[in-house]
């Protein structure tokens, strides 16, 4: 059987084709996948929000981080409020779990305007602090 060799002047071509196939194509595919799974950015008036149940209870229920709108401003309010979303979260938690609270604020929602990493980061830090205080954390998966 006769053995064929690649001419020397074609070796760089084969090497560059190898590099493209081995590195560039998987990198482009990964970037496309990351773009599909990246969290959408909030539009004007929207924030990254998560909710939690009353922190004085032994079990604290958390929502997912989602994009939501703050309540319309009312007279005398200086802070951003998510009472409408918190009410929806309360209804969900009471229907799905054995949750009862005598608190004036049985659920609370927190919003962040910048960076999708900040809301999950602050949520995770809060959950860690509750775990250190021997609270049970329940991830409900709820999104508004």
Protein backbone atom coordinates (compact mmCIF):
# COMPACT_ATOMS: atom_id res chain seq x y z
CA UNK A 1 0.00 0.00 0.00
CA UNK A 2 1.31 3.37 -0.96
CA UNK A 3 1.54 5.99 1.76
CA UNK A 4 0.61 9.56 0.90
CA UNK A 5 2.14 12.55 2.61
CA UNK A 6 0.81 16.05 2.90
CA UNK A 7 2.91 18.59 1.05
CA UNK A 8 4.77 20.89 3.42
CA UNK A 9 3.11 24.02 2.11
CA UNK A 10 -0.34 22.65 3.15
CA UNK A 11 0.58 21.83 6.76
CA UNK A 12 -0.29 25.32 8.11
CA UNK A 13 -3.70 25.04 6.44
CA UNK A 14 -4.45 21.72 8.13
CA UNK A 15 -3.18 23.03 11.45
CA UNK A 16 -5.39 26.13 11.27
CA UNK A 17 -8.40 23.97 10.34
CA UNK A 18 -7.66 21.84 13.40
CA UNK A 19 -7.54 24.92 15.64
CA UNK A 20 -10.83 26.22 14.28
CA UNK A 21 -12.53 22.87 14.74
CA UNK A 22 -11.08 22.14 18.17
CA UNK A 23 -11.39 25.56 19.81
CA UNK A 24 -13.36 28.16 17.93
CA UNK A 25 -16.52 26.19 17.15
CA UNK A 26 -17.07 24.99 20.76
CA UNK A 27 -16.39 28.53 22.03
CA UNK A 28 -18.97 30.06 19.67
CA UNK A 29 -21.51 27.38 20.62
CA UNK A 30 -20.93 28.08 24.33
CA UNK A 31 -21.41 31.81 23.83
CA UNK A 32 -24.64 31.21 21.94
CA UNK A 33 -25.90 28.96 24.75
CA UNK A 34 -24.93 31.55 27.38
CA UNK A 35 -26.83 34.21 25.46
CA UNK A 36 -29.95 32.02 25.44
CA UNK A 37 -29.81 31.28 29.18
CA UNK A 38 -28.78 34.75 30.37
CA UNK A 39 -31.34 36.54 32.51
CA UNK A 40 -33.17 39.29 30.69
CA UNK A 41 -32.29 42.81 31.73
CA UNK A 42 -35.00 44.85 33.42
CA UNK A 43 -36.53 47.63 31.38
CA UNK A 44 -37.30 51.09 32.68
CA UNK A 45 -39.05 50.99 36.04
CA UNK A 46 -38.28 47.31 36.61
CA UNK A 47 -35.93 45.71 39.13
CA UNK A 48 -34.50 42.35 40.06
CA UNK A 49 -36.75 41.23 42.93
CA UNK A 50 -36.96 38.36 45.40
CA UNK A 51 -39.40 37.78 48.24
CA UNK A 52 -39.22 36.07 51.62
CA UNK A 53 -41.61 35.25 54.41
CA UNK A 54 -41.52 36.64 57.95
CA UNK A 55 -38.00 36.30 59.35
CA UNK A 56 -39.17 35.72 62.92
CA UNK A 57 -40.66 32.32 61.98
CA UNK A 58 -38.58 29.13 62.29
CA UNK A 59 -39.11 28.41 58.56
CA UNK A 60 -38.46 31.14 56.00
CA UNK A 61 -39.81 30.79 52.47
CA UNK A 62 -37.94 32.40 49.55
CA UNK A 63 -38.99 33.11 45.99
CA UNK A 64 -36.72 32.97 42.96
CA UNK A 65 -35.10 36.18 41.71
CA UNK A 66 -37.29 37.67 38.99
CA UNK A 67 -37.89 40.95 37.19
CA UNK A 68 -40.70 42.99 38.72
CA UNK A 69 -42.07 46.49 39.00
CA UNK A 70 -42.31 48.47 42.20
CA UNK A 71 -45.67 49.72 43.41
CA UNK A 72 -46.76 53.12 42.12
CA UNK A 73 -45.50 55.83 44.48
CA UNK A 74 -48.01 57.08 47.02
CA UNK A 75 -47.99 60.27 49.03
CA UNK A 76 -45.55 60.22 51.91
CA UNK A 77 -43.64 57.17 50.56
CA UNK A 78 -39.92 57.80 50.21
CA UNK A 79 -38.84 54.21 49.59
CA UNK A 80 -39.54 51.78 46.80
CA UNK A 81 -42.30 49.36 47.78
CA UNK A 82 -43.22 45.91 46.49
CA UNK A 83 -46.39 45.38 48.56
CA UNK A 84 -48.45 44.14 45.60
CA UNK A 85 -45.85 41.49 44.74
CA UNK A 86 -45.48 40.61 48.44
CA UNK A 87 -49.24 40.04 48.68
CA UNK A 88 -49.12 37.67 45.70
CA UNK A 89 -46.20 35.80 47.28
CA UNK A 90 -48.12 35.54 50.57
CA UNK A 91 -51.13 34.00 48.81
CA UNK A 92 -48.86 31.49 47.08
CA UNK A 93 -47.00 30.51 50.26
CA UNK A 94 -50.24 30.13 52.26
CA UNK A 95 -51.78 27.94 49.57
CA UNK A 96 -48.76 25.69 49.07
CA UNK A 97 -47.22 25.51 52.56
CA UNK A 98 -48.48 25.49 56.17
CA UNK A 99 -47.52 29.15 56.61
CA UNK A 100 -49.19 31.43 59.12
CA UNK A 101 -47.94 34.75 60.46
CA UNK A 102 -49.22 37.35 62.89
CA UNK A 103 -46.74 39.90 61.59
CA UNK A 104 -47.87 43.15 59.97
CA UNK A 105 -45.50 42.19 57.16
CA UNK A 106 -45.88 38.42 56.67
CA UNK A 107 -43.92 38.63 53.40
CA UNK A 108 -41.36 41.14 52.15
CA UNK A 109 -39.87 41.70 48.73
CA UNK A 110 -36.49 43.29 47.97
CA UNK A 111 -35.52 44.94 44.69
CA UNK A 112 -32.18 45.70 43.08
CA UNK A 113 -31.79 47.95 40.05
CA UNK A 114 -28.31 47.07 38.85
CA UNK A 115 -26.77 43.82 37.79
CA UNK A 116 -28.46 40.46 37.83
CA UNK A 117 -25.69 39.17 40.10
CA UNK A 118 -26.58 41.55 42.95
CA UNK A 119 -30.05 40.23 43.70
CA UNK A 120 -29.08 36.55 43.82
CA UNK A 121 -25.98 37.50 45.80
CA UNK A 122 -27.91 39.46 48.40
CA UNK A 123 -30.54 36.72 48.57
CA UNK A 124 -27.87 34.07 49.10
CA UNK A 125 -26.18 36.12 51.84
CA UNK A 126 -29.51 36.60 53.58
CA UNK A 127 -30.27 32.88 53.38
CA UNK A 128 -26.83 32.07 54.81
CA UNK A 129 -27.38 34.42 57.74
CA UNK A 130 -30.74 32.77 58.49
CA UNK A 131 -29.17 29.32 58.30
CA UNK A 132 -26.54 30.42 60.82
CA UNK A 133 -29.41 31.51 63.06
CA UNK A 134 -30.80 27.93 62.79
CA UNK A 135 -33.69 28.90 60.52
CA UNK A 136 -34.99 26.44 57.94
CA UNK A 137 -34.90 27.83 54.40
CA UNK A 138 -37.42 26.72 51.78
CA UNK A 139 -36.88 27.63 48.13
CA UNK A 140 -40.39 27.87 46.71
CA UNK A 141 -39.47 28.46 43.05
CA UNK A 142 -42.12 31.20 42.90
CA UNK A 143 -41.77 34.04 40.41
CA UNK A 144 -44.20 36.91 40.02
